[in-house]
Amino acid sequence: MHVVVTGASSGIGTALAREFGTSEGDRVTLVARRQAAMEEVARGIPAKCHIVAHDLSDDTRATAWIESAERENGPIDVLINNAGVENTGWTLEADPAASVALLRTNLVSPLLIARAIVPAMIARGTGTLVNVASVAAYSAVPLQAWYGASKAGLATFSEVLRSEVRRRGVNVVTVYPGPITTPMAEAAYVVFGGRRGLVGLAPEGTPEKLARLVRRAVERRRARVVYPSFYQIPRFVPWLARWATDLVEPRPRPRLER
């Protein structure tokens, strides 16, 4: 089975690579910007690894790595769109260029990659697409407007595509992680002023447990993963989530130029 993991150089991506690369018979393609970090990941797993250093913020070349991946490891059986960046901070103070780059990385490139790969899965009558969204897709988290918008778009695309292809042999899994103990999450906590108040009460998960749940969803052809399970609450009771997030008062207050 050939599994592709984007954003494989750290955090959730690294955990996914390790989870899907547990045996020598596995074939894994790692896609991310940092070559050295991916080489370190590859050294730690038994699977045959193909490494592609690629910047997904350049959506004009979003699919440029696919040919080499399939030449090295064969047709892609499982595509995991995991690559993502955050720009936690005041919405109107975000750098426009960086924010657009975030949308390209988190939303545009994953959609183009799926568009390029899923038709071949349909032709073979088998395959799985996994899109790693976020609970921010359905819960309006302060200071994460750009990130939340990108993940909401990815989640909607993912859920709609599932309804279109699930009877044609292809399963689409939408993953909704809450806070996960990764370097990216730690950087967000710094902007929030640390784990204090309601922010400090939010349940956190681990990349390893999330990766195991994703693999189970792939094997059992499930539609989605929400982890930690606490975050099923805002998914089904959005008014309660809105009330809770309104209580969060980020620091410092914005200083907007007029």
Protein backbone atom coordinates (compact mmCIF):
# COMPACT_ATOMS: atom_id res chain seq x y z
CA MET A 1 0.00 0.00 0.00
CA HIS A 2 1.37 3.39 -1.04
CA VAL A 3 0.55 6.13 1.47
CA VAL A 4 1.35 9.81 0.91
CA VAL A 5 1.63 12.16 3.89
CA THR A 6 1.99 15.88 3.27
CA GLY A 7 3.39 18.04 6.04
CA ALA A 8 5.39 15.00 7.16
CA SER A 9 8.38 16.78 8.72
CA SER A 10 6.94 17.31 12.22
CA GLY A 11 3.94 17.02 14.54
CA ILE A 12 0.89 15.19 13.26
CA GLY A 13 2.55 14.46 9.90
CA THR A 14 5.48 12.68 11.53
CA ALA A 15 3.11 10.61 13.68
CA LEU A 16 1.10 9.65 10.59
CA ALA A 17 4.24 8.62 8.70
CA ARG A 18 5.28 6.41 11.59
CA GLU A 19 1.82 4.90 11.94
CA PHE A 20 1.51 3.99 8.25
CA GLY A 21 5.13 2.93 7.87
CA THR A 22 5.38 0.24 10.51
CA SER A 23 6.51 -2.64 8.27
CA GLU A 24 9.10 -3.16 5.57
CA GLY A 25 6.34 -3.93 3.10
CA ASP A 26 4.81 -0.47 3.48
CA ARG A 27 5.54 2.29 0.97
CA VAL A 28 5.34 5.88 2.21
CA THR A 29 5.95 9.16 0.41
CA LEU A 30 6.77 12.11 2.65
CA VAL A 31 6.08 15.60 1.32
CA ALA A 32 7.13 18.76 3.16
CA ARG A 33 9.51 21.69 2.87
CA ARG A 34 12.27 20.45 5.20
CA GLN A 35 14.38 17.73 3.60
CA ALA A 36 16.58 17.05 6.64
CA ALA A 37 13.62 16.68 8.98
CA MET A 38 11.96 14.17 6.65
CA GLU A 39 15.18 12.20 6.35
CA GLU A 40 15.21 11.92 10.13
CA VAL A 41 11.61 10.66 10.09
CA ALA A 42 12.45 8.13 7.38
CA ARG A 43 15.37 6.74 9.36
CA GLY A 44 13.02 5.91 12.21
CA ILE A 45 10.49 3.78 10.31
CA PRO A 46 10.87 0.40 8.56
CA ALA A 47 8.84 1.32 5.46
CA LYS A 48 10.30 2.17 2.09
CA CYS A 49 10.27 5.97 2.11
CA HIS A 50 10.32 8.37 -0.81
CA ILE A 51 11.07 11.94 0.24
CA VAL A 52 9.97 15.01 -1.70
CA ALA A 53 11.02 18.46 -0.52
CA HIS A 54 8.16 20.64 -1.76
CA ASP A 55 6.56 23.94 -0.73
CA LEU A 56 2.78 23.65 -0.92
CA SER A 57 2.33 27.39 -0.49
CA ASP A 58 3.12 27.56 -4.22
CA ASP A 59 -0.21 26.34 -5.52
CA THR A 60 0.95 26.64 -9.14
CA ARG A 61 3.17 23.60 -8.44
CA ALA A 62 0.91 21.84 -5.93
CA THR A 63 0.88 18.57 -7.87
CA ALA A 64 4.43 18.63 -9.27
CA TRP A 65 5.62 15.89 -6.86
CA ILE A 66 3.02 13.27 -7.82
CA GLU A 67 4.82 11.84 -10.84
CA SER A 68 8.02 11.09 -8.93
CA ALA A 69 6.08 9.62 -6.00
CA GLU A 70 4.19 7.19 -8.23
CA ARG A 71 7.28 6.35 -10.23
CA GLU A 72 9.05 5.41 -7.00
CA ASN A 73 6.23 3.75 -5.01
CA GLY A 74 3.46 2.98 -7.49
CA PRO A 75 -0.12 4.29 -7.61
CA ILE A 76 -1.22 6.22 -4.53
CA ASP A 77 -3.60 4.17 -2.39
CA VAL A 78 -3.99 6.59 0.51
CA LEU A 79 -3.49 10.35 0.22
CA ILE A 80 -3.29 12.25 3.52
CA ASN A 81 -3.60 16.00 3.03
CA ASN A 82 -2.07 17.03 6.34
CA ALA A 83 0.20 19.99 5.52
CA GLY A 84 -0.89 23.16 7.25
CA VAL A 85 0.29 26.38 8.85
CA GLU A 86 -1.21 28.74 11.43
CA ASN A 87 -1.00 32.49 11.82
CA THR A 88 -2.67 32.88 15.21
CA GLY A 89 -3.17 36.57 15.91
CA TRP A 90 -5.49 39.50 15.42
CA THR A 91 -7.34 39.09 12.15
CA LEU A 92 -6.95 42.65 10.90
CA GLU A 93 -3.26 42.80 11.79
CA ALA A 94 -2.31 39.66 9.86
CA ASP A 95 0.16 40.18 7.03
CA PRO A 96 -1.88 39.88 3.80
CA ALA A 97 0.84 38.04 1.87
CA ALA A 98 1.40 35.52 4.68
CA SER A 99 -2.35 35.03 5.05
CA VAL A 100 -2.81 34.29 1.35
CA ALA A 101 0.13 31.87 1.53
CA LEU A 102 -1.66 30.14 4.42
CA LEU A 103 -4.79 29.76 2.29
CA ARG A 104 -2.71 28.28 -0.52
CA THR A 105 -1.03 25.78 1.81
CA ASN A 106 -4.07 24.80 3.86
CA LEU A 107 -6.80 24.95 1.23
CA VAL A 108 -5.92 25.52 -2.41
CA SER A 109 -3.04 23.04 -2.73
CA PRO A 110 -4.87 20.18 -0.92
CA LEU A 111 -7.87 20.66 -3.22
CA LEU A 112 -5.68 20.60 -6.32
CA ILE A 113 -3.81 17.51 -5.09
CA ALA A 114 -7.08 15.70 -4.43
CA ARG A 115 -8.35 16.73 -7.86
CA ALA A 116 -5.23 15.25 -9.44
CA ILE A 117 -5.16 11.94 -7.53
CA VAL A 118 -8.75 10.89 -6.76
CA PRO A 119 -9.84 10.28 -10.40
CA ALA A 120 -7.20 7.53 -10.68
CA MET A 121 -8.54 5.98 -7.48
CA ILE A 122 -12.03 5.99 -8.98
CA ALA A 123 -10.71 4.36 -12.15
CA ARG A 124 -9.14 1.58 -10.05
CA GLY A 125 -12.28 1.31 -7.89
CA THR A 126 -10.34 1.72 -4.65
CA GLY A 127 -8.50 4.32 -2.59
CA THR A 128 -8.75 6.66 0.38
CA LEU A 129 -8.41 10.42 0.71
CA VAL A 130 -7.79 11.81 4.19
CA ASN A 131 -8.14 15.56 4.72
CA VAL A 132 -6.86 16.89 8.04
CA ALA A 133 -9.08 19.86 8.86
CA SER A 134 -9.56 21.16 12.43
CA VAL A 135 -12.26 21.79 15.02
CA ALA A 136 -11.63 25.42 14.04
CA ALA A 137 -13.59 24.50 10.89
CA TYR A 138 -16.83 24.54 12.88
CA SER A 139 -15.91 26.42 16.06
CA ALA A 140 -15.00 30.10 15.71
CA VAL A 141 -11.77 30.31 17.71
CA PRO A 142 -10.57 33.85 18.52
CA LEU A 143 -7.33 34.89 16.80
CA GLN A 144 -7.67 32.12 14.21
CA ALA A 145 -9.88 33.64 11.53
CA TRP A 146 -7.55 32.94 8.60
CA TYR A 147 -6.68 29.47 9.83
CA GLY A 148 -10.31 28.65 10.62
CA ALA A 149 -11.45 29.88 7.21
CA SER A 150 -8.93 27.63 5.48
CA LYS A 151 -9.92 24.58 7.52
CA ALA A 152 -13.64 25.24 7.09
CA GLY A 153 -13.12 25.31 3.34
CA LEU A 154 -11.12 22.07 3.41
CA ALA A 155 -13.70 20.35 5.62
CA THR A 156 -16.61 21.38 3.37
CA PHE A 157 -14.77 20.20 0.26
CA SER A 158 -13.96 16.92 1.99
CA GLU A 159 -17.49 16.19 3.21
CA VAL A 160 -19.03 17.05 -0.17
CA LEU A 161 -16.50 14.98 -2.11
CA ARG A 162 -17.21 11.98 0.13
CA SER A 163 -20.86 12.07 -0.82
CA GLU A 164 -19.91 12.09 -4.50
CA VAL A 165 -17.32 9.29 -4.58
CA ARG A 166 -18.13 6.88 -1.75
CA ARG A 167 -20.20 4.62 -4.02
CA ARG A 168 -17.38 4.53 -6.57
CA GLY A 169 -14.88 2.70 -4.37
CA VAL A 170 -13.16 5.73 -2.84
CA ASN A 171 -13.51 6.68 0.82
CA VAL A 172 -12.96 10.23 2.05
CA VAL A 173 -12.08 10.75 5.70
CA THR A 174 -12.33 14.22 7.23
CA VAL A 175 -10.21 14.68 10.36
CA TYR A 176 -11.11 17.30 12.96
CA PRO A 177 -8.31 17.60 15.51
CA GLY A 178 -8.69 19.78 18.54
CA PRO A 179 -5.55 21.06 20.30
CA ILE A 180 -2.74 18.55 19.74
CA THR A 181 0.62 18.72 21.53
CA THR A 182 2.77 19.85 18.60
CA PRO A 183 5.21 22.73 18.06
CA MET A 184 2.57 24.56 16.00
CA ALA A 185 0.08 24.32 18.86
CA GLU A 186 2.66 25.50 21.37
CA ALA A 187 3.27 28.61 19.27
CA ALA A 188 -0.47 29.32 19.28
CA TYR A 189 -0.64 29.01 23.07
CA VAL A 190 2.09 31.65 23.37
CA VAL A 191 -0.07 34.11 21.42
CA PHE A 192 -3.03 33.30 23.67
CA GLY A 193 -0.89 34.14 26.71
CA GLY A 194 -0.33 30.53 27.77
CA ARG A 195 -2.61 27.84 29.10
CA ARG A 196 -4.77 29.99 31.34
CA GLY A 197 -8.49 30.46 31.88
CA LEU A 198 -10.78 28.70 29.42
CA VAL A 199 -7.85 28.14 27.05
CA GLY A 200 -6.08 26.11 29.71
CA LEU A 201 -9.16 23.95 30.25
CA ALA A 202 -9.36 22.81 26.61
CA PRO A 203 -8.62 19.07 26.35
CA GLU A 204 -5.46 18.25 24.37
CA GLY A 205 -4.56 15.15 22.41
CA THR A 206 -1.33 13.57 21.20
CA PRO A 207 -0.18 13.16 17.58
CA GLU A 208 0.36 9.45 18.13
CA LYS A 209 -3.21 8.79 19.29
CA LEU A 210 -4.61 10.87 16.45
CA ALA A 211 -2.51 8.93 13.92
CA ARG A 212 -3.85 5.63 15.29
CA LEU A 213 -7.42 6.89 14.95
CA VAL A 214 -6.77 8.00 11.38
CA ARG A 215 -5.39 4.59 10.46
CA ARG A 216 -8.42 2.91 12.01
CA ALA A 217 -10.71 5.20 10.03
CA VAL A 218 -8.87 4.31 6.82
CA GLU A 219 -9.05 0.59 7.53
CA ARG A 220 -12.73 0.68 8.53
CA ARG A 221 -13.76 3.20 5.86
CA ARG A 222 -15.14 5.68 8.34
CA ALA A 223 -16.27 9.15 7.36
CA ARG A 224 -14.55 11.30 9.95
CA VAL A 225 -12.35 11.50 13.03
CA VAL A 226 -12.92 13.99 15.85
CA TYR A 227 -10.19 13.94 18.49
CA PRO A 228 -10.17 14.49 21.42
CA SER A 229 -13.77 13.28 21.52
CA PHE A 230 -14.73 16.26 23.72
CA TYR A 231 -14.85 18.32 20.51
CA GLN A 232 -17.89 16.42 19.32
CA ILE A 233 -19.78 18.85 21.57
CA PRO A 234 -19.15 22.03 19.53
CA ARG A 235 -19.77 20.03 16.36
CA PHE A 236 -23.28 19.05 17.42
CA VAL A 237 -24.08 22.02 19.69
CA PRO A 238 -22.63 25.03 17.84
CA TRP A 239 -24.45 27.63 19.97
CA LEU A 240 -22.70 26.29 23.07
CA ALA A 241 -19.32 26.54 21.32
CA ARG A 242 -20.07 30.11 20.27
CA TRP A 243 -21.00 31.02 23.85
CA ALA A 244 -17.80 29.48 25.21
CA THR A 245 -15.48 31.12 22.68
CA ASP A 246 -17.11 34.50 23.37
CA LEU A 247 -15.85 34.14 26.93
CA VAL A 248 -12.24 33.89 25.76
CA GLU A 249 -10.49 37.25 26.04
CA PRO A 250 -7.17 37.08 24.17
CA ARG A 251 -4.19 39.18 25.20
CA PRO A 252 -2.90 41.66 24.24
CA ARG A 253 -5.71 43.73 22.85
CA PRO A 254 -5.30 44.73 19.19
CA ARG A 255 -3.58 47.98 18.27
CA LEU A 256 -4.94 48.76 14.83
CA GLU A 257 -3.68 51.64 12.74
CA ARG A 258 -6.24 53.94 11.22
